[in-house]
Amino acid sequence: MSRNNERIFNEARNRNLELETRRLFLKNCMLGMGGMALGSFLSGCNFGSTGTPADLYNSANPLMPHSPHFPARARSVIYLHMAGAPSQLELFDFKPDLAKLDGQDCPQSLLEGKKFAFIRGVPKMMGPQASFKQYGESGAWVSEHLPHFATVADEVSFLKAMQTDQFNHGPAQLLIHTGSPRLGRPSMGAWATYGLGSENSNLPGYVVLTSGGKFPDAGKSVWGSGFLPSVYQGVQCRSEGDPVLFIKDPAGMDRDLRKASIDAINEANRMSYEEFRDPEILSRISQYEMAYRMQISVPDVMNINDEPAYIHEMYGTKPGKACFANNVLLARKLVEKGVRFVQLFDWGWDSHGTDENLAIDYGFVNKCKSMDKPVTALLLDLKQRGLLDETLVVWGGEFGRTPMQENRDGKKNPFKGRDHHTEAFTIWMAGGGIKRGTSFGETDEIGYAAVSGKTNAFDVQATILNQLGFDHEKLTYQFQGRPFRLTDVSGRVINEIVA
């Protein structure tokens, strides 16, 4: 440290000693009755972990690799979330009996006592708006909207009886990614990085990529760290322009000067930590150091221009533009470099039929076209690189779609659309120790309700953690006086799809 910086730090230290801050006041009052009560309360808000690998939160390097509870089947996760909830009835859940009811009034038994986002009055039933065929040795039903994906249907396991208790986008997205429909809980990716750390010290352990022009309805909370140290939150990168804002050094600042400035800032942070012992200060130090290393590593890994032509053709990428295909290719590059959890959010899958972009027979079809090729390429690319066995790929939305046509205020929409549906939807998984060519769970003859093999968000979360080597009941974090976990007080590993 230069003499000038040392003088600045000494002056700052002396000023801090003279100031009677709120924290110092509370600390000095701990001998009083009020202080004793406060201390009792704060003891339940510590930052320790229970039932987890030893020393999960290392003060020097919170993202250092950790051992899970038992040998993992997956080293990393790529979660593809289709924000807005794609219709399972036009993709994977083939219901020929529903076609026979097309245009008929919906039976009251399907409406009474049920909650819908927009359906009012008596809607009409609507048959599948796509043709289906069976593919592969598994005989999986796949619609005409996914001709590329149909060729890899034997690689995945379908969960066709998924259910949720949230019928609005934001809460449903929060539930499936954080285990709670309310704000404040850590995301799945944050839990994964908290438990396992990162395999690449120059890259974040948890990276988020968005497409479709908007964030998911739940906002950035679906990749937040909640009450976990903020170093575990998802780092959002961009597929267009600089991958991370302000990643380049400002004009007039070279690499050495940037390093000196970060060293000075972190020295001040270390002094603060010695005084207040706030773990968030350690997170801040780690994040500054990670940001410095990312300046070199991120631009390289986030550059898809150096990929061979056949890869661009395979994924359908558009270098220099923000699109879902670019993000899918980046996801492969990131897990290849050791990133633990890659989360893709593709906005625009809402299908109410209120305009052509939200119509099952137009906007939905276009979204399928933009998703079909890159997702298929991802599975094939991971497999040919020997990465699929150790990479768990998850695809799905936040809920399903009704077998009846949506109508608002009793009036039929001018375009074909389906309302939000909590009773049944489809998610699939592939790789990472998941069975190939499997389908678990069934819905009734019209796809309205799950009738067997019912699963929910907590089950999916428990299964993902299981493939990463964790007992979901033991990966916990002490907060507000009790151990919290991703699956709250529910969830089971879906062993029916585990190889």
Protein backbone atom coordinates (compact mmCIF):
# COMPACT_ATOMS: atom_id res chain seq x y z
CA MET A 1 0.00 0.00 0.00
CA SER A 2 1.32 3.47 -0.87
CA ARG A 3 2.09 5.99 1.88
CA ASN A 4 -0.75 8.19 0.65
CA ASN A 5 -3.24 5.29 0.86
CA GLU A 6 -1.89 4.36 4.29
CA ARG A 7 -2.47 7.94 5.49
CA ILE A 8 -6.03 7.87 4.12
CA PHE A 9 -6.78 4.58 5.87
CA ASN A 10 -5.34 5.82 9.17
CA GLU A 11 -7.45 8.96 9.01
CA ALA A 12 -10.56 6.89 8.17
CA ARG A 13 -9.81 4.53 11.07
CA ASN A 14 -9.48 7.45 13.50
CA ARG A 15 -12.75 8.98 12.27
CA ASN A 16 -14.52 5.63 12.74
CA LEU A 17 -13.27 5.43 16.31
CA GLU A 18 -14.69 8.87 17.05
CA LEU A 19 -18.12 8.15 15.58
CA GLU A 20 -20.77 6.60 17.78
CA THR A 21 -22.65 4.62 15.13
CA ARG A 22 -25.90 2.79 15.71
CA ARG A 23 -24.10 -0.53 15.62
CA LEU A 24 -21.55 0.60 18.20
CA PHE A 25 -24.33 1.94 20.42
CA LEU A 26 -26.16 -1.38 20.32
CA LYS A 27 -22.95 -3.29 20.88
CA ASN A 28 -22.06 -1.16 23.91
CA CYS A 29 -25.55 -1.61 25.34
CA MET A 30 -25.51 -5.40 25.25
CA LEU A 31 -25.21 -5.58 29.09
CA GLY A 32 -28.63 -3.99 29.58
CA MET A 33 -31.89 -5.91 29.66
CA GLY A 34 -32.82 -4.60 26.22
CA GLY A 35 -29.42 -5.65 24.94
CA MET A 36 -29.87 -9.12 26.37
CA ALA A 37 -33.22 -9.48 24.60
CA LEU A 38 -31.73 -8.20 21.37
CA GLY A 39 -28.83 -10.60 21.70
CA SER A 40 -31.25 -13.49 22.16
CA PHE A 41 -33.09 -12.48 19.00
CA LEU A 42 -29.93 -12.00 16.96
CA SER A 43 -28.64 -15.41 17.99
CA GLY A 44 -31.38 -16.84 15.78
CA CYS A 45 -30.18 -14.78 12.82
CA ASN A 46 -26.64 -16.14 12.60
CA PHE A 47 -24.93 -16.93 9.36
CA GLY A 48 -23.98 -20.53 10.03
CA SER A 49 -25.10 -23.66 8.22
CA THR A 50 -26.32 -26.92 9.66
CA GLY A 51 -26.21 -30.39 8.21
CA THR A 52 -24.04 -29.24 5.31
CA PRO A 53 -20.47 -29.97 4.20
CA ALA A 54 -17.95 -28.51 6.60
CA ASP A 55 -16.98 -24.87 6.24
CA LEU A 56 -19.47 -24.09 3.46
CA TYR A 57 -18.98 -20.38 3.87
CA ASN A 58 -15.24 -19.86 3.79
CA SER A 59 -14.41 -16.26 4.62
CA ALA A 60 -11.38 -16.17 2.34
CA ASN A 61 -13.10 -17.76 -0.64
CA PRO A 62 -16.85 -18.44 -0.27
CA LEU A 63 -16.99 -19.91 -3.79
CA MET A 64 -14.27 -22.50 -3.22
CA PRO A 65 -15.37 -26.02 -4.32
CA HIS A 66 -17.11 -28.10 -1.62
CA SER A 67 -17.91 -31.78 -1.37
CA PRO A 68 -21.64 -32.68 -1.40
CA HIS A 69 -23.33 -35.11 0.98
CA PHE A 70 -22.79 -38.07 -1.35
CA PRO A 71 -21.27 -38.70 -4.81
CA ALA A 72 -23.03 -36.49 -7.34
CA ARG A 73 -24.43 -37.63 -10.66
CA ALA A 74 -24.39 -34.09 -12.09
CA ARG A 75 -21.58 -31.56 -11.93
CA SER A 76 -23.64 -28.64 -13.23
CA VAL A 77 -27.21 -27.63 -14.14
CA ILE A 78 -28.69 -25.81 -17.11
CA TYR A 79 -32.25 -24.74 -16.30
CA LEU A 80 -34.31 -23.53 -19.29
CA HIS A 81 -37.36 -21.63 -18.05
CA MET A 82 -39.99 -20.67 -20.60
CA ALA A 83 -41.42 -17.65 -18.79
CA GLY A 84 -45.15 -17.31 -19.32
CA ALA A 85 -45.92 -21.05 -19.20
CA PRO A 86 -46.03 -23.00 -22.50
CA SER A 87 -49.08 -25.11 -23.24
CA GLN A 88 -48.43 -28.77 -22.54
CA LEU A 89 -51.47 -29.63 -24.68
CA GLU A 90 -49.73 -28.34 -27.80
CA LEU A 91 -46.32 -29.86 -27.02
CA PHE A 92 -46.11 -33.12 -25.06
CA ASP A 93 -49.46 -34.13 -23.51
CA PHE A 94 -51.41 -35.58 -26.43
CA LYS A 95 -55.18 -35.77 -25.76
CA PRO A 96 -57.20 -37.06 -28.75
CA ASP A 97 -60.39 -37.10 -26.62
CA LEU A 98 -60.05 -33.35 -26.14
CA ALA A 99 -60.35 -32.91 -29.90
CA LYS A 100 -63.80 -34.51 -29.78
CA LEU A 101 -64.99 -31.83 -27.35
CA ASP A 102 -63.70 -28.91 -29.40
CA GLY A 103 -66.23 -26.04 -29.44
CA GLN A 104 -68.53 -27.52 -26.80
CA ASP A 105 -69.44 -25.68 -23.60
CA CYS A 106 -67.09 -26.45 -20.74
CA PRO A 107 -68.79 -28.67 -18.10
CA GLN A 108 -69.53 -26.87 -14.83
CA SER A 109 -67.66 -29.58 -12.95
CA LEU A 110 -64.42 -28.20 -14.40
CA LEU A 111 -65.21 -24.66 -13.25
CA GLU A 112 -66.90 -24.87 -9.85
CA GLY A 113 -64.63 -24.13 -6.91
CA LYS A 114 -61.62 -23.56 -9.20
CA LYS A 115 -59.44 -20.47 -9.52
CA PHE A 116 -58.51 -19.12 -12.93
CA ALA A 117 -56.64 -15.99 -13.85
CA PHE A 118 -59.07 -14.71 -16.51
CA ILE A 119 -61.80 -17.23 -17.37
CA ARG A 120 -65.29 -15.86 -16.72
CA GLY A 121 -68.66 -17.31 -17.59
CA VAL A 122 -68.81 -20.59 -19.52
CA PRO A 123 -65.86 -21.03 -21.89
CA LYS A 124 -65.71 -23.40 -24.85
CA MET A 125 -63.52 -26.49 -24.86
CA MET A 126 -60.62 -26.31 -27.29
CA GLY A 127 -58.99 -29.32 -28.88
CA PRO A 128 -55.22 -29.63 -29.44
CA GLN A 129 -53.97 -26.99 -31.85
CA ALA A 130 -51.24 -29.25 -33.21
CA SER A 131 -50.86 -32.75 -34.60
CA PHE A 132 -48.83 -35.34 -32.69
CA LYS A 133 -46.69 -38.37 -33.50
CA GLN A 134 -44.75 -40.88 -31.44
CA TYR A 135 -40.96 -40.84 -31.66
CA GLY A 136 -38.00 -42.99 -30.71
CA GLU A 137 -37.86 -46.26 -28.83
CA SER A 138 -39.78 -44.70 -25.95
CA GLY A 139 -42.71 -43.79 -28.19
CA ALA A 140 -42.88 -40.30 -26.72
CA TRP A 141 -45.68 -38.10 -28.08
CA VAL A 142 -44.28 -34.85 -29.49
CA SER A 143 -46.19 -32.22 -31.45
CA GLU A 144 -45.47 -30.93 -34.92
CA HIS A 145 -44.25 -27.67 -33.35
CA LEU A 146 -41.03 -29.37 -32.20
CA PRO A 147 -39.70 -31.35 -35.19
CA HIS A 148 -36.06 -31.09 -34.07
CA PHE A 149 -36.74 -31.98 -30.47
CA ALA A 150 -38.68 -35.05 -31.60
CA THR A 151 -35.36 -36.55 -32.75
CA VAL A 152 -33.93 -36.46 -29.21
CA ALA A 153 -37.09 -37.49 -27.31
CA ASP A 154 -35.31 -40.64 -26.13
CA GLU A 155 -32.79 -38.52 -24.22
CA VAL A 156 -35.28 -37.01 -21.77
CA SER A 157 -37.60 -37.91 -18.92
CA PHE A 158 -41.01 -36.22 -18.94
CA LEU A 159 -42.89 -35.24 -15.79
CA LYS A 160 -46.43 -34.98 -17.11
CA ALA A 161 -48.35 -34.58 -13.87
CA MET A 162 -46.72 -31.46 -12.46
CA GLN A 163 -48.95 -29.33 -10.24
CA THR A 164 -48.73 -25.98 -8.46
CA ASP A 165 -50.95 -23.93 -6.16
CA GLN A 166 -50.05 -20.59 -7.78
CA PHE A 167 -52.03 -19.36 -10.80
CA ASN A 168 -50.29 -16.01 -11.35
CA HIS A 169 -46.92 -15.81 -13.11
CA GLY A 170 -44.81 -14.01 -10.50
CA PRO A 171 -45.69 -16.19 -7.47
CA ALA A 172 -45.58 -19.38 -9.56
CA GLN A 173 -42.10 -18.51 -10.87
CA LEU A 174 -40.89 -17.71 -7.37
CA LEU A 175 -42.27 -21.01 -6.09
CA ILE A 176 -40.53 -23.14 -8.66
CA HIS A 177 -37.19 -21.34 -8.35
CA THR A 178 -37.05 -20.36 -4.67
CA GLY A 179 -39.46 -22.75 -2.95
CA SER A 180 -41.80 -19.95 -1.88
CA PRO A 181 -44.36 -17.80 -3.75
CA ARG A 182 -43.24 -14.81 -1.72
CA LEU A 183 -40.12 -12.67 -2.01
CA GLY A 184 -37.09 -13.20 0.18
CA ARG A 185 -36.02 -16.81 -0.33
CA PRO A 186 -32.77 -17.87 -2.05
CA SER A 187 -33.04 -19.20 -5.58
CA MET A 188 -32.22 -22.74 -6.58
CA GLY A 189 -29.00 -21.65 -8.26
CA ALA A 190 -27.95 -19.78 -5.12
CA TRP A 191 -28.52 -22.91 -3.02
CA ALA A 192 -26.49 -24.98 -5.49
CA THR A 193 -23.53 -22.60 -5.41
CA TYR A 194 -23.77 -22.24 -1.64
CA GLY A 195 -23.54 -26.01 -1.30
CA LEU A 196 -20.96 -26.78 -4.00
CA GLY A 197 -19.03 -23.58 -4.68
CA SER A 198 -17.56 -23.03 -8.12
CA GLU A 199 -15.07 -25.04 -10.17
CA ASN A 200 -13.70 -21.94 -11.91
CA SER A 201 -12.34 -19.17 -9.69
CA ASN A 202 -12.43 -16.74 -12.61
CA LEU A 203 -16.13 -17.13 -13.33
CA PRO A 204 -19.27 -16.85 -11.19
CA GLY A 205 -20.71 -20.09 -9.90
CA TYR A 206 -24.20 -19.03 -11.00
CA VAL A 207 -24.88 -17.26 -14.30
CA VAL A 208 -28.23 -15.99 -15.62
CA LEU A 209 -29.13 -15.28 -19.26
CA THR A 210 -32.41 -13.70 -20.35
CA SER A 211 -34.14 -13.41 -23.73
CA GLY A 212 -37.50 -12.41 -25.13
CA GLY A 213 -37.08 -8.71 -24.43
CA LYS A 214 -38.28 -8.72 -20.82
CA PHE A 215 -37.44 -10.14 -17.41
CA PRO A 216 -39.69 -12.88 -15.99
CA ASP A 217 -42.70 -11.54 -14.08
CA ALA A 218 -41.08 -12.28 -10.72
CA GLY A 219 -38.13 -10.07 -11.68
CA LYS A 220 -34.56 -10.66 -10.56
CA SER A 221 -35.74 -12.29 -7.34
CA VAL A 222 -35.88 -15.64 -9.16
CA TRP A 223 -32.09 -15.61 -9.29
CA GLY A 224 -31.46 -13.76 -6.03
CA SER A 225 -29.64 -15.03 -2.93
CA GLY A 226 -32.37 -14.16 -0.41
CA PHE A 227 -30.96 -14.56 3.10
CA LEU A 228 -27.86 -16.38 1.84
CA PRO A 229 -24.72 -14.24 1.46
CA SER A 230 -25.08 -12.16 -1.70
CA VAL A 231 -21.99 -13.75 -3.27
CA TYR A 232 -24.25 -16.69 -4.19
CA GLN A 233 -26.82 -14.73 -6.21
CA GLY A 234 -26.99 -15.20 -9.97
CA VAL A 235 -24.80 -12.97 -12.12
CA GLN A 236 -26.77 -11.77 -15.12
CA CYS A 237 -24.80 -11.74 -18.37
CA ARG A 238 -25.85 -10.44 -21.76
CA SER A 239 -25.52 -12.10 -25.16
CA GLU A 240 -25.37 -8.73 -26.93
CA GLY A 241 -22.76 -6.02 -26.35
CA ASP A 242 -20.58 -6.27 -23.26
CA PRO A 243 -21.54 -9.48 -21.43
CA VAL A 244 -21.45 -7.61 -18.12
CA LEU A 245 -21.99 -3.88 -17.74
CA PHE A 246 -18.84 -1.86 -16.94
CA ILE A 247 -16.60 -4.87 -17.49
CA LYS A 248 -14.12 -2.77 -19.46
CA ASP A 249 -11.66 -0.47 -17.74
CA PRO A 250 -12.62 3.22 -17.99
CA ALA A 251 -10.59 5.46 -20.25
CA GLY A 252 -7.31 6.39 -18.58
CA MET A 253 -7.31 3.41 -16.18
CA ASP A 254 -4.99 0.53 -17.00
CA ARG A 255 -5.02 -2.95 -15.50
CA ASP A 256 -2.49 -2.17 -12.77
CA LEU A 257 -4.37 0.91 -11.62
CA ARG A 258 -7.64 -1.07 -11.52
CA LYS A 259 -5.95 -3.72 -9.38
CA ALA A 260 -4.54 -1.08 -7.02
CA SER A 261 -7.97 0.54 -6.63
CA ILE A 262 -9.63 -2.81 -5.83
CA ASP A 263 -6.87 -3.63 -3.32
CA ALA A 264 -7.46 -0.27 -1.61
CA ILE A 265 -11.24 -0.78 -1.49
CA ASN A 266 -10.87 -4.30 -0.12
CA GLU A 267 -8.42 -3.15 2.53
CA ALA A 268 -11.06 -0.70 3.72
CA ASN A 269 -13.62 -3.52 3.65
CA ARG A 270 -11.33 -5.78 5.71
CA MET A 271 -11.00 -3.06 8.30
CA SER A 272 -14.78 -2.78 8.44
CA TYR A 273 -15.11 -6.53 8.84
CA GLU A 274 -12.63 -6.57 11.73
CA GLU A 275 -14.77 -4.00 13.49
CA PHE A 276 -18.31 -5.20 12.73
CA ARG A 277 -17.91 -8.88 11.75
CA ASP A 278 -20.66 -8.61 9.15
CA PRO A 279 -20.37 -11.58 6.70
CA GLU A 280 -21.78 -9.40 3.91
CA ILE A 281 -18.52 -7.44 4.00
CA LEU A 282 -16.69 -10.66 3.14
CA SER A 283 -19.12 -11.17 0.25
CA ARG A 284 -18.32 -7.67 -0.96
CA ILE A 285 -14.58 -8.38 -0.86
CA SER A 286 -15.05 -11.63 -2.78
CA GLN A 287 -17.25 -9.92 -5.36
CA TYR A 288 -14.71 -7.16 -6.02
CA GLU A 289 -11.98 -9.73 -6.54
CA MET A 290 -14.23 -11.86 -8.73
CA ALA A 291 -15.16 -8.80 -10.82
CA TYR A 292 -11.47 -8.12 -11.43
CA ARG A 293 -10.85 -11.68 -12.62
CA MET A 294 -14.03 -11.66 -14.70
CA GLN A 295 -12.67 -8.80 -16.81
CA ILE A 296 -10.32 -11.30 -18.42
CA SER A 297 -12.32 -14.52 -18.36
CA VAL A 298 -15.89 -13.43 -19.13
CA PRO A 299 -15.34 -11.71 -22.51
CA ASP A 300 -13.60 -14.87 -23.73
CA VAL A 301 -16.19 -17.43 -22.60
CA MET A 302 -19.12 -15.20 -23.61
CA ASN A 303 -17.83 -14.82 -27.16
CA ILE A 304 -19.62 -17.16 -29.56
CA ASN A 305 -17.97 -15.75 -32.70
CA ASP A 306 -15.11 -18.22 -32.47
CA GLU A 307 -17.45 -21.23 -32.61
CA PRO A 308 -17.24 -23.23 -35.88
CA ALA A 309 -19.86 -22.69 -38.56
CA TYR A 310 -21.50 -26.07 -38.00
CA ILE A 311 -22.20 -25.14 -34.37
CA HIS A 312 -23.91 -21.90 -35.39
CA GLU A 313 -25.99 -23.82 -37.90
CA MET A 314 -26.79 -26.47 -35.33
CA TYR A 315 -28.04 -23.97 -32.71
CA GLY A 316 -29.46 -21.39 -35.13
CA THR A 317 -27.50 -18.63 -33.42
CA LYS A 318 -27.34 -14.97 -34.46
CA PRO A 319 -23.97 -13.57 -33.34
CA GLY A 320 -24.16 -9.95 -32.24
CA LYS A 321 -27.89 -10.11 -31.46
CA ALA A 322 -29.76 -10.93 -28.27
CA CYS A 323 -31.69 -14.17 -28.77
CA PHE A 324 -32.53 -17.41 -27.04
CA ALA A 325 -30.34 -19.52 -29.36
CA ASN A 326 -27.25 -17.47 -28.46
CA ASN A 327 -27.99 -17.97 -24.77
CA VAL A 328 -28.35 -21.73 -25.17
CA LEU A 329 -24.95 -21.94 -26.85
CA LEU A 330 -23.47 -19.75 -24.11
CA ALA A 331 -24.92 -22.12 -21.52
CA ARG A 332 -22.92 -24.97 -23.05
CA LYS A 333 -19.75 -22.86 -23.06
CA LEU A 334 -20.28 -21.85 -19.43
CA VAL A 335 -20.74 -25.36 -18.05
CA GLU A 336 -17.78 -26.44 -20.14
CA LYS A 337 -15.73 -23.86 -18.21
CA GLY A 338 -16.95 -25.07 -14.84
CA VAL A 339 -19.90 -22.80 -14.07
CA ARG A 340 -22.09 -24.65 -11.60
CA PHE A 341 -25.60 -23.39 -12.42
CA VAL A 342 -26.74 -21.67 -15.62
CA GLN A 343 -30.28 -20.28 -15.67
CA LEU A 344 -31.99 -19.24 -18.91
CA PHE A 345 -35.24 -17.26 -18.85
CA ASP A 346 -37.03 -16.87 -22.19
CA TRP A 347 -39.93 -14.43 -21.90
CA GLY A 348 -43.01 -14.50 -24.15
CA TRP A 349 -44.72 -17.87 -23.61
CA ASP A 350 -48.01 -16.48 -22.26
CA SER A 351 -50.83 -17.69 -24.52
CA HIS A 352 -54.10 -15.97 -23.60
CA GLY A 353 -55.16 -15.30 -27.19
CA THR A 354 -55.81 -11.60 -26.54
CA ASP A 355 -53.72 -10.73 -29.61
CA GLU A 356 -51.86 -12.64 -32.29
CA ASN A 357 -48.58 -12.66 -30.35
CA LEU A 358 -50.37 -14.37 -27.46
CA ALA A 359 -52.32 -16.76 -29.69
CA ILE A 360 -51.84 -20.53 -29.52
CA ASP A 361 -52.00 -20.70 -33.31
CA TYR A 362 -49.54 -17.86 -34.00
CA GLY A 363 -47.34 -16.35 -31.29
CA PHE A 364 -46.99 -19.67 -29.49
CA VAL A 365 -45.97 -21.39 -32.72
CA ASN A 366 -43.26 -18.78 -33.30
CA LYS A 367 -41.91 -19.25 -29.78
CA CYS A 368 -41.72 -22.99 -30.42
CA LYS A 369 -39.70 -22.37 -33.59
CA SER A 370 -37.22 -20.17 -31.72
CA MET A 371 -36.81 -22.78 -28.96
CA ASP A 372 -36.91 -26.09 -30.84
CA LYS A 373 -33.60 -26.02 -32.69
CA PRO A 374 -31.25 -24.63 -30.00
CA VAL A 375 -32.58 -26.87 -27.21
CA THR A 376 -32.18 -29.93 -29.42
CA ALA A 377 -28.68 -28.77 -30.35
CA LEU A 378 -27.80 -28.35 -26.68
CA LEU A 379 -28.61 -31.97 -25.86
CA LEU A 380 -26.75 -33.27 -28.92
CA ASP A 381 -23.76 -30.97 -28.37
CA LEU A 382 -23.41 -31.89 -24.69
CA LYS A 383 -23.66 -35.55 -25.57
CA GLN A 384 -21.02 -35.47 -28.30
CA ARG A 385 -18.65 -33.59 -25.96
CA GLY A 386 -19.15 -36.13 -23.19
CA LEU A 387 -20.83 -33.52 -20.98
CA LEU A 388 -24.44 -34.68 -20.93
CA ASP A 389 -23.82 -37.39 -18.32
CA GLU A 390 -22.56 -34.76 -15.88
CA THR A 391 -24.84 -31.88 -16.87
CA LEU A 392 -28.47 -31.88 -15.75
CA VAL A 393 -30.71 -30.07 -18.25
CA VAL A 394 -34.17 -29.00 -17.05
CA TRP A 395 -36.91 -27.48 -19.22
CA GLY A 396 -40.31 -26.11 -18.22
CA GLY A 397 -42.58 -23.23 -17.26
CA GLU A 398 -44.29 -22.15 -14.06
CA PHE A 399 -47.70 -23.80 -14.64
CA GLY A 400 -49.81 -25.25 -17.44
CA ARG A 401 -52.67 -24.24 -19.73
CA THR A 402 -56.37 -25.03 -19.57
CA PRO A 403 -58.07 -27.45 -22.00
CA MET A 404 -60.78 -24.82 -22.50
CA GLN A 405 -60.58 -21.61 -24.54
CA GLU A 406 -59.97 -18.54 -22.46
CA ASN A 407 -62.73 -15.97 -22.28
CA ARG A 408 -62.92 -12.77 -20.30
CA ASP A 409 -66.18 -11.31 -19.02
CA GLY A 410 -67.95 -14.18 -20.77
CA LYS A 411 -66.72 -13.13 -24.21
CA LYS A 412 -64.62 -15.35 -26.42
CA ASN A 413 -61.26 -13.93 -27.43
CA PRO A 414 -60.74 -13.13 -31.13
CA PHE A 415 -57.63 -15.33 -31.12
CA LYS A 416 -57.21 -18.83 -29.77
CA GLY A 417 -55.73 -18.94 -26.27
CA ARG A 418 -55.65 -20.89 -23.03
CA ASP A 419 -55.75 -19.59 -19.47
CA HIS A 420 -53.32 -20.34 -16.63
CA HIS A 421 -53.76 -23.82 -15.19
CA THR A 422 -52.43 -25.18 -11.90
CA GLU A 423 -53.78 -28.74 -12.11
CA ALA A 424 -51.38 -30.14 -14.71
CA PHE A 425 -48.31 -29.22 -16.73
CA THR A 426 -45.16 -30.82 -18.12
CA ILE A 427 -41.48 -30.45 -17.24
CA TRP A 428 -38.67 -32.57 -18.62
CA MET A 429 -35.14 -33.40 -17.50
CA ALA A 430 -32.17 -34.90 -19.32
CA GLY A 431 -28.61 -35.94 -18.55
CA GLY A 432 -27.01 -35.74 -15.11
CA GLY A 433 -28.04 -39.23 -14.01
CA ILE A 434 -31.64 -38.99 -15.23
CA LYS A 435 -33.22 -41.96 -17.03
CA ARG A 436 -33.44 -41.72 -20.79
CA GLY A 437 -36.70 -42.12 -22.66
CA THR A 438 -38.99 -42.09 -19.63
CA SER A 439 -42.36 -40.54 -18.89
CA PHE A 440 -43.69 -40.32 -15.34
CA GLY A 441 -47.16 -39.17 -14.35
CA GLU A 442 -50.41 -39.01 -16.30
CA THR A 443 -53.29 -36.60 -16.71
CA ASP A 444 -56.94 -37.39 -17.40
CA GLU A 445 -58.35 -37.89 -20.89
CA ILE A 446 -58.60 -34.15 -21.59
CA GLY A 447 -55.41 -33.03 -19.83
CA TYR A 448 -57.28 -31.15 -17.11
CA ALA A 449 -56.01 -32.85 -13.95
CA ALA A 450 -53.16 -35.09 -12.88
CA VAL A 451 -54.39 -38.59 -12.05
CA SER A 452 -51.17 -40.46 -11.26
CA GLY A 453 -47.52 -39.74 -10.58
CA LYS A 454 -48.23 -36.25 -9.26
CA THR A 455 -45.20 -34.03 -8.74
CA ASN A 456 -44.63 -30.40 -7.77
CA ALA A 457 -41.97 -27.72 -7.53
CA PHE A 458 -40.53 -29.11 -4.30
CA ASP A 459 -40.13 -32.55 -5.87
CA VAL A 460 -38.27 -31.06 -8.84
CA GLN A 461 -36.02 -29.08 -6.48
CA ALA A 462 -35.33 -32.15 -4.34
CA THR A 463 -34.44 -34.16 -7.46
CA ILE A 464 -32.09 -31.50 -8.82
CA LEU A 465 -30.28 -31.26 -5.48
CA ASN A 466 -30.13 -35.07 -5.31
CA GLN A 467 -28.40 -35.23 -8.69
CA LEU A 468 -25.90 -32.64 -7.41
CA GLY A 469 -25.16 -34.89 -4.43
CA PHE A 470 -27.33 -33.29 -1.73
CA ASP A 471 -29.98 -34.53 0.63
CA HIS A 472 -32.48 -31.69 0.22
CA GLU A 473 -33.53 -32.04 3.86
CA LYS A 474 -29.97 -31.47 5.08
CA LEU A 475 -28.80 -28.64 2.84
CA THR A 476 -29.91 -25.90 5.23
CA TYR A 477 -29.06 -22.39 6.37
CA GLN A 478 -29.75 -20.96 9.79
CA PHE A 479 -31.93 -17.87 9.56
CA GLN A 480 -34.35 -16.17 11.98
CA GLY A 481 -33.91 -18.87 14.57
CA ARG A 482 -34.44 -21.98 12.45
CA PRO A 483 -32.79 -23.91 9.64
CA PHE A 484 -34.24 -23.09 6.22
CA ARG A 485 -33.97 -25.22 3.10
CA LEU A 486 -34.91 -24.85 -0.56
CA THR A 487 -37.77 -27.36 -0.33
CA ASP A 488 -39.15 -25.82 2.90
CA VAL A 489 -40.96 -28.70 4.67
CA SER A 490 -41.94 -30.68 1.59
CA GLY A 491 -40.53 -32.40 -1.48
CA ARG A 492 -39.34 -35.86 -2.42
CA VAL A 493 -36.75 -37.11 -4.88
CA ILE A 494 -38.53 -38.38 -8.00
CA ASN A 495 -36.72 -41.71 -8.01
CA GLU A 496 -38.90 -42.94 -10.87
CA ILE A 497 -36.82 -40.86 -13.29
CA VAL A 498 -33.41 -41.27 -11.62
CA ALA A 499 -31.12 -43.75 -13.39
